[in-house]
Amino acid sequence: MSLKPEFSYPVLQVALDINEIVRAVDIATSIVAKTGCKNVWIEVGTPLLKAWGKIAIKVLKDLTKCFLVADTKTVDVPSVEAKIVFNAGADAFTVLGLSDEETLREASNVKKEHGKTLIVDLIGCREPYQRALEIAKFEPDIILLHTGISVQRARGVTAETLVEEAVRIKNELGVRVSIAGGLKPGSIGPLVARGIDVVVVGSAITRSSDPASTALEILKEMGVRT
């Protein structure tokens, strides 16, 4: 069983939801050079994972040495997909909360076997709180409440609308919670103040003219000293 890297909550998870690996490396390494890894996780976003696979995981892990999330969005055979990303260097993987119970049970078993982190993503779940109650028995390390990009574009909503449910899930189930979807500097401090453990920020950082400075601004808002 491998040891998990050292980190502290609250965490800024930098979602590299881009498909250009050189750009992803530039962003990640520039951020880590200024912030270190203690309160920063690097996410190999789904587009980057689909474009570059294990290469993206290995390169980003080797160059940053940070806790690395592979956003696999697994819905079947997690024992296969998890091992692929874990062997490449990932510390965590994501499984969709919409998955069957058999998939969630298998995901729980494989994360325990490897000493890694299981993030269950409730994207697409119409009743996030109820679904969280149902999946708690599978012992996810983190439950992610997530407003997808397509929903953001169509309905003009962000993950901030999910904070009440996230806090309720954390308080009642005793599990760490994460929020993702359209978060920007200025909106994150109140989430952390409410007890959100991990804030996932993508385009606000990756599209910034200075991603490292934007990450520093967010960490400061979170009350993290760098």
Protein backbone atom coordinates (compact mmCIF):
# COMPACT_ATOMS: atom_id res chain seq x y z
CA MET A 1 0.00 0.00 0.00
CA SER A 2 1.46 3.35 -1.04
CA LEU A 3 1.59 6.36 1.23
CA LYS A 4 -0.49 9.40 0.34
CA PRO A 5 1.45 12.65 -0.18
CA GLU A 6 1.34 15.23 2.60
CA PHE A 7 -1.19 18.02 2.17
CA SER A 8 -3.48 20.24 4.23
CA TYR A 9 -7.09 21.35 3.85
CA PRO A 10 -8.57 23.52 2.45
CA VAL A 11 -7.24 22.59 -0.97
CA LEU A 12 -7.20 24.37 -4.28
CA GLN A 13 -7.55 21.76 -7.01
CA VAL A 14 -6.28 23.18 -10.30
CA ALA A 15 -8.32 21.54 -13.06
CA LEU A 16 -6.32 21.32 -16.26
CA ASP A 17 -9.34 20.90 -18.50
CA ILE A 18 -7.36 21.59 -21.65
CA ASN A 19 -6.01 19.26 -24.32
CA GLU A 20 -2.56 20.79 -24.86
CA ILE A 21 0.02 19.03 -22.73
CA VAL A 22 2.74 21.69 -23.10
CA ARG A 23 0.32 24.36 -21.92
CA ALA A 24 -0.80 22.14 -19.05
CA VAL A 25 2.78 21.59 -17.92
CA ASP A 26 3.54 25.32 -18.14
CA ILE A 27 0.51 26.20 -16.02
CA ALA A 28 1.08 23.50 -13.40
CA THR A 29 4.81 24.07 -12.96
CA SER A 30 4.44 27.86 -12.79
CA ILE A 31 1.81 27.53 -10.06
CA VAL A 32 3.74 25.01 -8.00
CA ALA A 33 6.92 27.10 -8.25
CA LYS A 34 5.07 29.89 -6.42
CA THR A 35 2.73 27.95 -4.14
CA GLY A 36 4.27 24.58 -3.40
CA CYS A 37 2.01 21.53 -3.03
CA LYS A 38 0.76 21.65 0.55
CA ASN A 39 -2.64 23.15 -0.29
CA VAL A 40 -2.59 22.60 -4.05
CA TRP A 41 -3.68 19.56 -6.01
CA ILE A 42 -3.14 19.20 -9.74
CA GLU A 43 -5.96 17.65 -11.75
CA VAL A 44 -5.41 15.96 -15.08
CA GLY A 45 -8.76 17.04 -16.48
CA THR A 46 -10.85 14.74 -18.62
CA PRO A 47 -9.96 16.44 -21.95
CA LEU A 48 -6.24 16.23 -21.13
CA LEU A 49 -6.59 12.62 -20.00
CA LYS A 50 -8.40 11.65 -23.18
CA ALA A 51 -5.88 13.46 -25.36
CA TRP A 52 -2.70 12.27 -23.65
CA GLY A 53 -3.61 9.41 -21.34
CA LYS A 54 -0.95 8.06 -18.98
CA ILE A 55 1.67 10.41 -20.43
CA ALA A 56 -0.09 13.45 -18.99
CA ILE A 57 -0.32 11.85 -15.55
CA LYS A 58 3.30 10.75 -15.46
CA VAL A 59 4.71 14.03 -16.76
CA LEU A 60 2.69 16.23 -14.41
CA LYS A 61 3.40 14.02 -11.41
CA ASP A 62 7.13 13.90 -12.14
CA LEU A 63 7.41 17.65 -12.69
CA THR A 64 5.20 18.93 -9.87
CA LYS A 65 5.41 16.19 -7.19
CA CYS A 66 1.95 17.36 -6.09
CA PHE A 67 -1.10 15.29 -5.17
CA LEU A 68 -2.49 14.37 -8.59
CA VAL A 69 -6.13 13.77 -9.43
CA ALA A 70 -7.00 11.85 -12.59
CA ASP A 71 -10.49 12.94 -13.60
CA THR A 72 -11.43 9.61 -15.15
CA LYS A 73 -15.19 9.99 -14.59
CA THR A 74 -15.31 6.21 -14.35
CA VAL A 75 -18.68 4.47 -14.73
CA ASP A 76 -17.53 0.87 -15.25
CA VAL A 77 -14.60 -1.44 -14.43
CA PRO A 78 -12.92 0.91 -11.94
CA SER A 79 -10.49 -1.85 -11.01
CA VAL A 80 -9.05 -1.53 -14.52
CA GLU A 81 -9.17 2.24 -14.95
CA ALA A 82 -7.91 3.00 -11.44
CA LYS A 83 -4.88 0.75 -11.79
CA ILE A 84 -3.96 2.42 -15.08
CA VAL A 85 -3.89 5.90 -13.59
CA PHE A 86 -2.42 4.82 -10.24
CA ASN A 87 0.46 3.05 -11.96
CA ALA A 88 1.12 6.22 -13.94
CA GLY A 89 1.37 8.30 -10.76
CA ALA A 90 -2.15 9.48 -9.90
CA ASP A 91 -3.08 9.76 -6.22
CA ALA A 92 -6.84 9.95 -6.79
CA PHE A 93 -9.42 9.08 -9.40
CA THR A 94 -13.03 10.03 -9.96
CA VAL A 95 -16.07 7.81 -10.25
CA LEU A 96 -19.48 9.13 -11.24
CA GLY A 97 -22.15 8.99 -8.57
CA LEU A 98 -24.58 7.89 -11.27
CA SER A 99 -22.74 4.55 -11.46
CA ASP A 100 -24.25 1.25 -10.39
CA GLU A 101 -23.66 0.03 -6.85
CA GLU A 102 -21.40 -2.73 -8.16
CA THR A 103 -19.14 -0.13 -9.77
CA LEU A 104 -18.99 1.98 -6.61
CA ARG A 105 -18.21 -1.07 -4.47
CA GLU A 106 -15.42 -2.09 -6.84
CA ALA A 107 -14.05 1.46 -6.83
CA SER A 108 -13.99 1.46 -3.04
CA ASN A 109 -12.13 -1.84 -2.98
CA VAL A 110 -9.49 -0.80 -5.50
CA LYS A 111 -8.73 2.49 -3.75
CA LYS A 112 -8.26 0.62 -0.48
CA GLU A 113 -6.04 -1.95 -2.17
CA HIS A 114 -3.73 0.76 -3.50
CA GLY A 115 -3.98 3.22 -0.59
CA LYS A 116 -5.31 5.93 -2.88
CA THR A 117 -8.16 8.45 -2.84
CA LEU A 118 -11.65 7.93 -4.26
CA ILE A 119 -13.60 11.00 -5.35
CA VAL A 120 -17.25 10.42 -6.20
CA ASP A 121 -18.53 13.06 -8.61
CA LEU A 122 -22.25 13.82 -8.36
CA ILE A 123 -22.40 15.62 -11.70
CA GLY A 124 -25.74 14.89 -13.35
CA CYS A 125 -27.39 13.66 -10.14
CA ARG A 126 -30.72 15.47 -9.78
CA GLU A 127 -30.85 14.85 -6.03
CA PRO A 128 -27.21 15.22 -4.87
CA TYR A 129 -28.00 14.99 -1.17
CA GLN A 130 -30.07 11.84 -1.53
CA ARG A 131 -27.48 10.23 -3.77
CA ALA A 132 -24.74 11.08 -1.27
CA LEU A 133 -26.71 9.22 1.42
CA GLU A 134 -26.94 6.19 -0.86
CA ILE A 135 -23.22 6.07 -1.73
CA ALA A 136 -21.86 6.79 1.76
CA LYS A 137 -21.62 3.06 2.46
CA PHE A 138 -18.93 2.80 -0.21
CA GLU A 139 -16.67 5.09 1.81
CA PRO A 140 -15.70 7.76 -0.71
CA ASP A 141 -12.88 9.96 0.54
CA ILE A 142 -14.42 13.02 -1.08
CA ILE A 143 -17.87 13.74 -2.49
CA LEU A 144 -17.76 16.25 -5.31
CA LEU A 145 -20.75 18.46 -6.04
CA HIS A 146 -20.26 19.55 -9.60
CA THR A 147 -22.05 21.85 -12.02
CA GLY A 148 -20.88 20.79 -15.48
CA ILE A 149 -19.76 23.22 -18.17
CA SER A 150 -22.71 22.42 -20.44
CA VAL A 151 -25.14 23.25 -17.62
CA GLN A 152 -23.23 26.43 -16.82
CA ARG A 153 -23.53 27.56 -20.43
CA ALA A 154 -27.17 26.61 -20.87
CA ARG A 155 -28.56 27.75 -17.51
CA GLY A 156 -26.05 30.35 -16.33
CA VAL A 157 -25.53 28.66 -12.96
CA THR A 158 -22.35 27.79 -11.11
CA ALA A 159 -21.36 25.41 -8.34
CA GLU A 160 -22.05 28.10 -5.75
CA THR A 161 -25.70 27.02 -5.92
CA LEU A 162 -24.69 23.63 -4.51
CA VAL A 163 -22.98 24.84 -1.36
CA GLU A 164 -25.95 24.28 0.96
CA GLU A 165 -26.20 20.64 -0.06
CA ALA A 166 -22.44 20.21 0.20
CA VAL A 167 -22.40 21.53 3.75
CA ARG A 168 -25.33 19.31 4.70
CA ILE A 169 -23.58 16.25 3.25
CA LYS A 170 -20.37 17.05 5.12
CA ASN A 171 -22.08 17.63 8.44
CA GLU A 172 -24.38 14.63 8.31
CA LEU A 173 -22.06 12.05 6.73
CA GLY A 174 -18.72 13.21 8.09
CA VAL A 175 -17.12 13.08 4.65
CA ARG A 176 -14.96 15.70 2.96
CA VAL A 177 -16.69 17.67 0.22
CA SER A 178 -15.56 19.37 -2.93
CA ILE A 179 -17.20 21.97 -5.17
CA ALA A 180 -16.60 22.43 -8.90
CA GLY A 181 -18.11 24.44 -11.69
CA GLY A 182 -17.50 28.03 -12.76
CA LEU A 183 -15.68 29.13 -9.60
CA LYS A 184 -13.71 32.36 -9.83
CA PRO A 185 -11.64 34.58 -7.55
CA GLY A 186 -14.00 36.49 -5.27
CA SER A 187 -16.47 33.62 -4.95
CA ILE A 188 -14.30 31.09 -3.17
CA GLY A 189 -13.68 32.57 0.28
CA PRO A 190 -17.31 32.13 1.40
CA LEU A 191 -17.26 28.48 0.31
CA VAL A 192 -14.21 27.73 2.42
CA ALA A 193 -15.73 29.66 5.33
CA ARG A 194 -18.73 27.32 5.15
CA GLY A 195 -16.45 24.28 5.40
CA ILE A 196 -15.86 23.21 1.81
CA ASP A 197 -12.66 21.17 1.84
CA VAL A 198 -11.65 21.27 -1.83
CA VAL A 199 -12.43 23.97 -4.38
CA VAL A 200 -11.93 22.98 -7.99
CA VAL A 201 -10.98 25.83 -10.29
CA GLY A 202 -10.40 25.39 -13.99
CA SER A 203 -10.84 28.09 -16.60
CA ALA A 204 -10.42 30.99 -14.17
CA ILE A 205 -6.83 29.78 -13.84
CA THR A 206 -6.08 28.12 -17.18
CA ARG A 207 -7.42 31.08 -19.21
CA SER A 208 -5.74 33.67 -17.02
CA SER A 209 -2.88 35.70 -18.50
CA ASP A 210 -0.96 34.82 -15.33
CA PRO A 211 -2.21 31.47 -13.96
CA ALA A 212 0.24 31.42 -11.05
CA SER A 213 -0.83 34.84 -9.80
CA THR A 214 -4.49 33.86 -10.09
CA ALA A 215 -3.82 30.71 -8.08
CA LEU A 216 -2.04 32.77 -5.42
CA GLU A 217 -5.00 35.15 -5.29
CA ILE A 218 -7.38 32.23 -4.74
CA LEU A 219 -5.20 30.67 -2.04
CA LYS A 220 -5.05 34.01 -0.24
CA GLU A 221 -8.84 34.22 -0.43
CA MET A 222 -8.96 30.72 1.08
CA GLY A 223 -6.83 31.88 4.00
CA VAL A 224 -3.84 29.78 2.92
CA ARG A 225 -0.37 31.18 3.51
CA THR A 226 2.16 30.42 0.80
